[in-house]
Amino acid sequence: MALRFGNFDLVPESQLMTGVTDFTYQEELQLDCKKQNPLNHRLARHMRTQNGKKYYECEECKKTFPSKSNLVVHMRIHTGEKPYECETCKSKFSRKSHLAVHMKIHSGEKPYECETCKKKFSSKTILAGHVRTHTGEKPYECEECKKKFSSKFNLAEHMRIHSGEKPYECETCKRKFSIKSHLAVHMRIHSGEKPYECETCKKKFSTKSILACHMRTHTGEKPYECKECKKTFFSKFNLAVHMRIHSGEKPYECETCKRKFSNKSHLPVHMRIHSGEKPYECETCKKNFSTKSILASHMRTHTGEKPYECDVCKKKLSSKFALTEHMRTHTGEKPYGCESCKMEFSIKSSLPTHMKTHNGEKPYECEACKRKFSIKSHLDVHMRIHTGEKPYECETCKKKFSSKSYLSVHMRIHSGEKPYECETCKKKFSSKSYLASHMRTHAGEKSYGCET
């Protein structure tokens, strides 16, 4: 039985799968859909769009098409053939229509206008995708994760996340990308191009999105909120990195010591511990540092700047890290524990210093009396015995001290503060050493006896 329309045999049944048609009539037909096709082969092709049948199948991927010409164009995906070349920039295309759209980049022609915002576009399909940003329509769904997209192109790019396909390669460093625009942005690393400028501070950026994030440092806007702790961030990327604190995820591993990091940028900084690299130099004292942020903190020792303030006691600190460590004096948090004696510390650097008390290491020696110390700062304080230097002065009575800790203990005489309490009799003392002496009265211990 042949495919019929009215009284006409359109396609013999034997020829349906081959797509071959052989019409003997020349009359122009008027169809139910009001579409007129004066040529027989056009009528046959048009009828396929009406009945939904697709007669031409791709042998590679089994996808079917309503016409032979559609199949020919599709096959170029598999062969890689791109017969249409732009005379201006030599870009090649698999379809003539794609070349025509591309040429509008050079001509600047944008004939399609959005009725809502009046923005103009070079192609009808790009306009259609843009209109969905106003309507919120997302008709294309990923079969893997059910995520929806406003355009077929965006869905195709998204699918590469699941397939792992990265068809775009950087010719300079051979890095591969799943999205063509990401390669274009990456190339600016090699070219140094930064076409986007901040109108406020004139700083330049390689991408529009990075500029948008930067602008929030001026406006103070933080639109991305962590659902766990309600902390807000300037960018979606910063939020994603922060979420690893809650998940415990540390995907970046050091090949030398196997230490893992949650942030990719922390790994190359860490690697400088192994390489000894210190690329950042202080212009004032010529001291070198492994990171830009440590150099910035160091510079404040020269300028005296202390931009970070404690909300509890209003003390000001020169770095964010110093503020974090200081806050533990209020919270009582001591996250760094000694495995030998279970003593805990609020500051990370205090732990390796403490460990020297167990191994007996005392690498710092006084040149005057040959006394040795496990900590360099203790040697510095000790040296003041020989020099007589007392740089710390009490603002109340003008008495001077050789160390900051001695001044702190002295200040309690004026404030009346006694933070150290005897667990046995509840008596309080202004210093730890006074408490230790008092505890001997309960133990019956007499540490200092007359040798005569």
Protein backbone atom coordinates (compact mmCIF):
# COMPACT_ATOMS: atom_id res chain seq x y z
CA MET A 1 0.00 0.00 0.00
CA ALA A 2 1.35 3.42 -0.96
CA LEU A 3 1.38 6.58 1.16
CA ARG A 4 -1.53 8.64 -0.17
CA PHE A 5 -2.74 12.22 -0.02
CA GLY A 6 -6.28 12.64 -1.34
CA ASN A 7 -6.39 10.77 -4.70
CA PHE A 8 -2.61 10.83 -5.21
CA ASP A 9 -0.02 8.12 -4.54
CA LEU A 10 2.86 10.06 -2.92
CA VAL A 11 5.44 7.37 -2.03
CA PRO A 12 5.24 3.70 -3.02
CA GLU A 13 5.37 1.43 0.04
CA SER A 14 8.49 -0.34 -1.26
CA GLN A 15 10.39 2.94 -1.30
CA LEU A 16 9.52 4.30 2.15
CA MET A 17 12.81 3.38 3.94
CA THR A 18 15.06 4.52 1.11
CA GLY A 19 13.47 7.90 0.79
CA VAL A 20 13.24 7.49 -3.02
CA THR A 21 10.23 9.11 -4.66
CA ASP A 22 8.96 8.81 -8.22
CA PHE A 23 6.01 11.05 -9.08
CA THR A 24 4.42 11.15 -12.51
CA TYR A 25 2.13 14.12 -11.94
CA GLN A 26 3.07 17.82 -12.31
CA GLU A 27 0.05 19.45 -10.70
CA GLU A 28 0.54 21.92 -7.89
CA LEU A 29 -1.14 20.58 -4.76
CA GLN A 30 -3.04 22.41 -2.07
CA LEU A 31 -2.54 20.59 1.27
CA ASP A 32 -4.58 20.66 4.47
CA CYS A 33 -1.84 22.73 6.12
CA LYS A 34 -2.13 25.34 3.34
CA LYS A 35 1.57 24.82 2.41
CA GLN A 36 2.16 24.77 -1.36
CA ASN A 37 5.04 22.77 -2.85
CA PRO A 38 5.30 23.11 -6.62
CA LEU A 39 8.05 20.43 -6.88
CA ASN A 40 7.36 16.75 -6.25
CA HIS A 41 10.46 16.11 -4.08
CA ARG A 42 9.66 19.13 -1.93
CA LEU A 43 6.13 17.87 -1.46
CA ALA A 44 7.41 14.47 -0.37
CA ARG A 45 9.86 16.06 2.09
CA HIS A 46 7.17 18.36 3.41
CA MET A 47 4.77 15.44 3.92
CA ARG A 48 7.33 13.81 6.19
CA THR A 49 7.24 16.84 8.47
CA GLN A 50 3.44 16.44 8.57
CA ASN A 51 3.27 12.73 9.38
CA GLY A 52 6.34 12.79 11.69
CA LYS A 53 8.08 9.97 9.86
CA LYS A 54 11.85 10.04 9.33
CA TYR A 55 13.19 7.85 6.51
CA TYR A 56 16.94 8.56 6.48
CA GLU A 57 19.02 6.90 9.18
CA CYS A 58 22.61 7.67 10.21
CA GLU A 59 24.64 4.43 10.20
CA GLU A 60 26.95 5.81 12.94
CA CYS A 61 24.47 6.85 15.64
CA LYS A 62 21.13 5.57 14.25
CA LYS A 63 19.58 9.03 14.38
CA THR A 64 16.89 9.52 11.69
CA PHE A 65 16.07 12.50 9.48
CA PRO A 66 13.15 13.54 7.24
CA SER A 67 15.39 14.34 4.23
CA LYS A 68 18.60 13.21 2.64
CA SER A 69 20.09 16.71 2.83
CA ASN A 70 19.56 16.73 6.62
CA LEU A 71 21.38 13.41 6.86
CA VAL A 72 24.29 14.72 4.75
CA VAL A 73 24.71 17.74 7.04
CA HIS A 74 24.47 15.52 10.14
CA MET A 75 27.18 13.15 8.84
CA ARG A 76 29.69 16.01 9.02
CA ILE A 77 29.53 15.69 12.83
CA HIS A 78 31.07 12.23 12.48
CA THR A 79 33.48 13.03 9.62
CA GLY A 80 34.54 16.43 10.96
CA GLU A 81 34.06 17.93 7.53
CA LYS A 82 33.66 21.73 7.48
CA PRO A 83 33.35 22.84 3.87
CA TYR A 84 32.27 26.44 4.52
CA GLU A 85 35.10 28.87 5.35
CA CYS A 86 34.97 32.47 6.54
CA GLU A 87 37.12 34.60 4.22
CA THR A 88 37.84 37.08 6.99
CA CYS A 89 39.09 34.90 9.86
CA LYS A 90 39.34 31.46 8.19
CA SER A 91 36.94 29.82 10.69
CA LYS A 92 35.26 26.78 9.18
CA PHE A 93 31.71 25.51 9.49
CA SER A 94 29.80 22.34 8.67
CA ARG A 95 26.68 24.23 7.57
CA LYS A 96 26.24 27.15 5.20
CA SER A 97 23.68 28.73 7.55
CA HIS A 98 26.23 28.70 10.39
CA LEU A 99 28.70 30.59 8.21
CA ALA A 100 26.02 33.18 7.42
CA VAL A 101 25.34 33.70 11.15
CA HIS A 102 29.09 33.88 11.86
CA MET A 103 29.62 36.58 9.21
CA LYS A 104 27.41 38.89 11.29
CA ILE A 105 30.18 38.95 13.91
CA HIS A 106 32.42 40.73 11.38
CA SER A 107 29.67 42.91 9.93
CA GLY A 108 28.23 43.75 13.36
CA GLU A 109 24.77 43.05 12.02
CA LYS A 110 22.15 42.20 14.66
CA PRO A 111 18.77 42.12 12.91
CA TYR A 112 16.82 40.35 15.67
CA GLU A 113 15.56 42.49 18.57
CA CYS A 114 14.10 41.42 21.91
CA GLU A 115 10.72 43.07 22.36
CA THR A 116 11.11 43.13 26.15
CA CYS A 117 14.54 44.74 26.64
CA LYS A 118 15.33 45.87 23.07
CA LYS A 119 18.63 43.98 23.08
CA LYS A 120 19.69 42.86 19.59
CA PHE A 121 21.08 39.55 18.36
CA SER A 122 22.75 38.18 15.25
CA SER A 123 20.54 35.08 14.92
CA LYS A 124 16.96 34.07 15.53
CA THR A 125 17.96 31.09 17.67
CA ILE A 126 20.10 33.25 19.97
CA LEU A 127 17.18 35.64 20.35
CA ALA A 128 14.87 32.70 21.18
CA GLY A 129 17.30 31.56 23.91
CA HIS A 130 17.54 35.11 25.26
CA VAL A 131 13.75 35.53 25.42
CA ARG A 132 13.64 32.59 27.83
CA THR A 133 15.68 34.62 30.33
CA HIS A 134 12.60 36.84 30.58
CA THR A 135 10.02 34.04 30.61
CA GLY A 136 12.05 31.67 32.79
CA GLU A 137 11.26 28.82 30.41
CA LYS A 138 13.74 25.92 30.44
CA PRO A 139 12.46 23.33 27.97
CA TYR A 140 15.64 21.24 27.68
CA GLU A 141 16.23 18.66 30.43
CA CYS A 142 19.32 16.58 31.16
CA GLU A 143 18.37 12.89 31.26
CA GLU A 144 21.19 12.17 33.75
CA CYS A 145 20.54 14.72 36.52
CA LYS A 146 17.23 16.31 35.44
CA LYS A 147 18.74 19.79 35.38
CA LYS A 148 16.91 22.08 32.94
CA PHE A 149 18.26 24.59 30.44
CA SER A 150 16.90 27.43 28.35
CA SER A 151 18.68 26.36 25.16
CA LYS A 152 19.69 23.17 23.39
CA PHE A 153 23.26 24.47 23.14
CA ASN A 154 23.53 24.88 26.94
CA LEU A 155 22.21 21.35 27.42
CA ALA A 156 24.82 19.99 24.97
CA GLU A 157 27.61 21.75 26.90
CA HIS A 158 26.23 20.49 30.22
CA MET A 159 26.17 16.88 28.97
CA ARG A 160 29.96 16.97 28.70
CA ILE A 161 30.11 17.08 32.52
CA HIS A 162 28.62 13.58 32.53
CA SER A 163 30.56 12.28 29.51
CA GLY A 164 33.88 13.88 30.49
CA GLU A 165 34.34 15.09 26.93
CA LYS A 166 36.71 18.05 26.52
CA PRO A 167 36.93 18.80 22.80
CA TYR A 168 38.59 22.23 23.04
CA GLU A 169 42.36 22.21 23.55
CA CYS A 170 44.77 25.08 24.28
CA GLU A 171 47.55 25.00 21.66
CA THR A 172 50.00 26.58 24.11
CA CYS A 173 49.72 24.36 27.21
CA LYS A 174 47.53 21.51 25.87
CA ARG A 175 44.92 22.00 28.60
CA LYS A 176 41.46 20.85 27.50
CA PHE A 177 38.03 22.34 28.06
CA SER A 178 34.45 21.15 27.69
CA ILE A 179 33.16 24.60 26.73
CA LYS A 180 34.57 26.69 23.87
CA SER A 181 34.12 30.00 25.74
CA HIS A 182 36.21 28.62 28.63
CA LEU A 183 39.09 28.04 26.21
CA ALA A 184 38.78 31.63 24.95
CA VAL A 185 38.94 32.92 28.54
CA HIS A 186 41.88 30.62 29.33
CA MET A 187 43.85 31.95 26.35
CA ARG A 188 43.94 35.34 28.07
CA ILE A 189 46.28 33.80 30.67
CA HIS A 190 48.85 33.36 27.89
CA SER A 191 48.09 36.63 26.10
CA GLY A 192 47.73 38.71 29.28
CA GLU A 193 44.59 40.30 27.85
CA LYS A 194 42.26 41.89 30.42
CA PRO A 195 39.46 43.61 28.49
CA TYR A 196 37.10 44.29 31.42
CA GLU A 197 37.84 47.35 33.60
CA CYS A 198 36.36 48.34 36.95
CA GLU A 199 34.95 51.86 36.66
CA THR A 200 35.58 52.50 40.37
CA CYS A 201 39.25 51.53 40.82
CA LYS A 202 40.32 50.97 37.17
CA LYS A 203 41.52 47.43 37.91
CA LYS A 204 41.27 45.15 34.87
CA PHE A 205 40.03 41.57 34.57
CA SER A 206 40.09 38.79 32.00
CA THR A 207 36.38 37.91 32.25
CA LYS A 208 33.11 39.74 32.74
CA SER A 209 32.10 37.40 35.57
CA ILE A 210 35.30 38.10 37.54
CA LEU A 211 34.67 41.82 37.10
CA ALA A 212 31.10 41.34 38.40
CA CYS A 213 32.47 39.56 41.51
CA HIS A 214 35.06 42.29 42.00
CA MET A 215 32.40 45.01 41.82
CA ARG A 216 30.78 43.47 44.89
CA THR A 217 33.90 44.37 46.91
CA HIS A 218 32.92 47.99 46.30
CA THR A 219 29.18 47.54 46.85
CA GLY A 220 29.53 45.04 49.73
CA GLU A 221 26.95 42.77 48.10
CA LYS A 222 27.23 39.06 49.02
CA PRO A 223 24.38 37.28 47.23
CA TYR A 224 25.53 33.68 47.82
CA GLU A 225 24.59 32.22 51.22
CA CYS A 226 25.71 28.99 52.86
CA LYS A 227 22.64 27.01 53.96
CA GLU A 228 24.60 25.41 56.80
CA CYS A 229 26.02 28.44 58.62
CA LYS A 230 24.37 31.37 56.81
CA LYS A 231 27.73 32.89 55.86
CA THR A 232 27.53 34.93 52.65
CA PHE A 233 29.98 35.25 49.75
CA PHE A 234 30.77 37.51 46.80
CA SER A 235 30.80 34.66 44.28
CA LYS A 236 29.31 31.23 43.65
CA PHE A 237 32.83 29.79 43.41
CA ASN A 238 33.76 31.03 46.91
CA LEU A 239 30.58 29.47 48.27
CA ALA A 240 31.42 26.13 46.62
CA VAL A 241 34.92 26.19 48.18
CA HIS A 242 33.44 27.13 51.58
CA MET A 243 30.97 24.21 51.46
CA ARG A 244 33.94 21.84 51.64
CA ILE A 245 34.43 22.98 55.25
CA HIS A 246 31.08 21.38 56.07
CA SER A 247 31.48 18.34 53.82
CA GLY A 248 35.13 17.75 54.75
CA GLU A 249 35.99 17.31 51.09
CA LYS A 250 39.67 17.87 50.23
CA PRO A 251 40.14 16.97 46.56
CA TYR A 252 43.64 18.43 46.08
CA GLU A 253 46.56 16.30 47.32
CA CYS A 254 50.26 17.08 47.66
CA GLU A 255 52.25 14.36 45.85
CA THR A 256 55.21 14.82 48.21
CA CYS A 257 53.64 14.54 51.68
CA LYS A 258 50.07 13.45 50.75
CA ARG A 259 48.52 16.38 52.60
CA LYS A 260 45.12 17.31 51.17
CA PHE A 261 43.48 20.68 50.58
CA SER A 262 39.94 21.88 49.99
CA ASN A 263 41.06 24.81 47.82
CA LYS A 264 43.10 24.34 44.64
CA SER A 265 45.04 27.58 45.23
CA HIS A 266 46.24 26.33 48.63
CA LEU A 267 48.12 23.40 47.04
CA PRO A 268 50.68 25.40 44.98
CA VAL A 269 51.26 27.64 48.03
CA HIS A 270 51.88 24.54 50.15
CA MET A 271 54.29 23.15 47.54
CA ARG A 272 56.61 26.09 48.25
CA ILE A 273 57.32 24.50 51.66
CA HIS A 274 58.96 21.62 49.80
CA SER A 275 60.62 23.74 47.12
CA GLY A 276 61.68 26.55 49.47
CA GLU A 277 60.42 29.09 46.96
CA LYS A 278 59.68 32.56 48.35
CA PRO A 279 58.78 34.75 45.38
CA TYR A 280 57.38 37.75 47.29
CA GLU A 281 59.91 40.29 48.62
CA CYS A 282 59.38 43.11 51.09
CA GLU A 283 60.61 46.34 49.50
CA THR A 284 61.46 47.80 52.91
CA CYS A 285 63.59 45.08 54.51
CA LYS A 286 64.12 42.73 51.53
CA LYS A 287 62.73 39.74 53.46
CA ASN A 288 61.10 37.10 51.22
CA PHE A 289 57.78 35.29 51.68
CA SER A 290 56.04 32.32 50.11
CA THR A 291 52.65 34.01 49.65
CA LYS A 292 51.35 37.43 48.74
CA SER A 293 49.03 37.46 51.77
CA ILE A 294 51.90 36.77 54.21
CA LEU A 295 53.86 39.60 52.59
CA ALA A 296 50.85 41.90 52.99
CA SER A 297 50.64 41.02 56.71
CA HIS A 298 54.39 41.55 57.09
CA MET A 299 54.18 45.00 55.48
CA ARG A 300 51.89 46.08 58.29
CA THR A 301 54.78 45.59 60.75
CA HIS A 302 56.43 48.50 58.93
CA THR A 303 53.29 50.64 58.53
CA GLY A 304 51.76 49.81 61.92
CA GLU A 305 48.40 49.22 60.25
CA LYS A 306 45.97 46.95 62.15
CA PRO A 307 42.77 46.70 60.12
CA TYR A 308 41.22 43.68 61.90
CA GLU A 309 39.32 44.36 65.14
CA CYS A 310 38.11 41.88 67.75
CA ASP A 311 34.36 42.25 68.32
CA VAL A 312 34.72 41.19 71.97
CA CYS A 313 37.56 43.33 73.34
CA LYS A 314 38.12 45.75 70.43
CA LYS A 315 41.77 44.75 70.17
CA LYS A 316 43.18 45.39 66.69
CA LEU A 317 45.31 42.93 64.76
CA SER A 318 47.45 43.21 61.65
CA SER A 319 46.09 40.09 59.89
CA LYS A 320 42.92 38.03 59.62
CA PHE A 321 44.88 34.96 60.75
CA ALA A 322 46.07 36.79 63.89
CA LEU A 323 42.47 37.79 64.62
CA THR A 324 41.31 34.16 64.27
CA GLU A 325 43.99 33.02 66.73
CA HIS A 326 43.17 35.88 69.11
CA MET A 327 39.46 34.98 69.16
CA ARG A 328 40.39 31.66 70.76
CA THR A 329 41.44 33.54 73.91
CA HIS A 330 37.76 34.45 74.28
CA THR A 331 36.24 31.13 73.19
CA GLY A 332 38.79 28.97 75.02
CA GLU A 333 39.23 26.84 71.91
CA LYS A 334 42.52 24.94 71.78
CA PRO A 335 42.52 22.84 68.59
CA TYR A 336 46.23 21.90 68.64
CA GLY A 337 47.03 19.05 71.06
CA CYS A 338 50.35 17.49 72.08
CA GLU A 339 50.30 13.70 71.60
CA SER A 340 52.89 13.19 74.38
CA CYS A 341 51.34 15.05 77.31
CA LYS A 342 47.87 15.96 75.98
CA MET A 343 48.57 19.66 76.54
CA GLU A 344 46.51 21.81 74.16
CA PHE A 345 47.22 25.10 72.42
CA SER A 346 45.16 27.78 70.75
CA ILE A 347 47.97 28.73 68.33
CA LYS A 348 49.42 26.25 65.84
CA SER A 349 52.99 27.59 66.14
CA SER A 350 52.92 26.97 69.91
CA LEU A 351 52.70 23.20 69.42
CA PRO A 352 56.07 22.63 67.64
CA THR A 353 57.66 25.00 70.17
CA HIS A 354 56.18 22.97 73.02
CA MET A 355 57.42 19.71 71.48
CA LYS A 356 60.98 20.86 72.12
CA THR A 357 60.33 20.46 75.87
CA HIS A 358 59.86 16.73 75.25
CA ASN A 359 62.84 16.14 72.98
CA GLY A 360 65.12 18.50 74.93
CA GLU A 361 66.03 20.47 71.83
CA LYS A 362 67.43 23.93 72.59
CA PRO A 363 68.85 25.36 69.38
CA TYR A 364 69.11 29.00 70.52
CA GLU A 365 72.19 29.88 72.62
CA CYS A 366 73.06 33.09 74.46
CA GLU A 367 76.49 34.30 73.30
CA ALA A 368 77.09 36.06 76.64
CA CYS A 369 76.43 33.23 79.13
CA LYS A 370 75.98 30.19 76.84
CA ARG A 371 72.53 29.45 78.24
CA LYS A 372 70.33 27.66 75.69
CA PHE A 373 66.67 28.09 74.83
CA SER A 374 64.13 26.10 72.89
CA ILE A 375 62.39 29.24 71.62
CA LYS A 376 64.05 32.20 69.89
CA SER A 377 61.74 34.73 71.56
CA HIS A 378 62.86 33.41 74.97
CA LEU A 379 66.46 34.05 73.96
CA ASP A 380 65.54 37.59 72.88
CA VAL A 381 63.94 38.28 76.28
CA HIS A 382 66.90 36.71 78.08
CA MET A 383 69.37 38.93 76.20
CA ARG A 384 67.77 41.95 77.83
CA ILE A 385 69.24 40.75 81.18
CA HIS A 386 72.66 41.41 79.69
CA THR A 387 71.73 44.60 77.84
CA GLY A 388 69.46 46.00 80.57
CA GLU A 389 66.86 46.85 77.92
CA LYS A 390 63.27 47.22 79.19
CA PRO A 391 61.09 48.22 76.24
CA TYR A 392 57.69 47.63 77.89
CA GLU A 393 56.41 50.44 80.11
CA CYS A 394 53.40 50.50 82.43
CA GLU A 395 51.21 53.46 81.46
CA THR A 396 49.95 53.79 85.06
CA CYS A 397 53.18 53.87 87.12
CA LYS A 398 55.82 54.11 84.36
CA LYS A 399 57.63 51.00 85.61
CA LYS A 400 59.48 49.20 82.81
CA PHE A 401 59.85 45.51 81.98
CA SER A 402 62.02 43.36 79.75
CA SER A 403 59.10 41.31 78.35
CA LYS A 404 55.49 41.87 77.39
CA SER A 405 54.34 39.00 79.60
CA TYR A 406 55.99 40.59 82.68
CA LEU A 407 54.16 43.83 81.93
CA SER A 408 50.86 41.95 81.58
CA VAL A 409 51.34 40.31 85.01
CA HIS A 410 52.27 43.68 86.53
CA MET A 411 49.16 45.37 85.10
CA ARG A 412 47.03 43.07 87.25
CA ILE A 413 48.34 44.91 90.34
CA HIS A 414 46.53 47.99 89.05
CA SER A 415 43.46 46.19 87.72
CA GLY A 416 43.13 43.79 90.66
CA GLU A 417 42.63 40.91 88.24
CA LYS A 418 43.46 37.47 89.62
CA PRO A 419 42.73 34.90 86.93
CA TYR A 420 44.50 31.92 88.54
CA GLU A 421 42.51 30.05 91.21
CA CYS A 422 43.64 27.34 93.65
CA GLU A 423 41.39 24.31 93.20
CA THR A 424 41.88 23.31 96.85
CA CYS A 425 41.07 26.53 98.76
CA LYS A 426 39.73 28.74 95.96
CA LYS A 427 42.28 31.47 96.67
CA LYS A 428 43.11 33.54 93.58
CA PHE A 429 46.40 34.90 92.24
CA SER A 430 47.55 37.38 89.64
CA SER A 431 50.17 35.10 88.06
CA LYS A 432 50.62 31.43 87.31
CA SER A 433 53.95 31.33 89.21
CA TYR A 434 52.31 32.71 92.38
CA LEU A 435 49.69 29.97 92.17
CA ALA A 436 52.40 27.32 91.72
CA SER A 437 54.21 28.58 94.87
CA HIS A 438 50.93 28.57 96.81
CA MET A 439 50.10 25.00 95.76
CA ARG A 440 53.23 23.80 97.57
CA THR A 441 51.69 24.88 100.91
CA HIS A 442 48.98 22.28 100.40
CA ALA A 443 51.43 19.59 99.29
CA GLY A 444 53.80 20.30 102.21
CA GLU A 445 56.54 20.81 99.70
CA LYS A 446 59.40 23.18 100.49
CA SER A 447 61.27 23.75 97.28
CA TYR A 448 63.72 26.28 98.60
CA GLY A 449 65.68 24.96 101.57
CA CYS A 450 68.79 26.29 103.37
CA GLU A 451 71.79 24.19 102.34
CA THR A 452 73.65 25.05 105.62
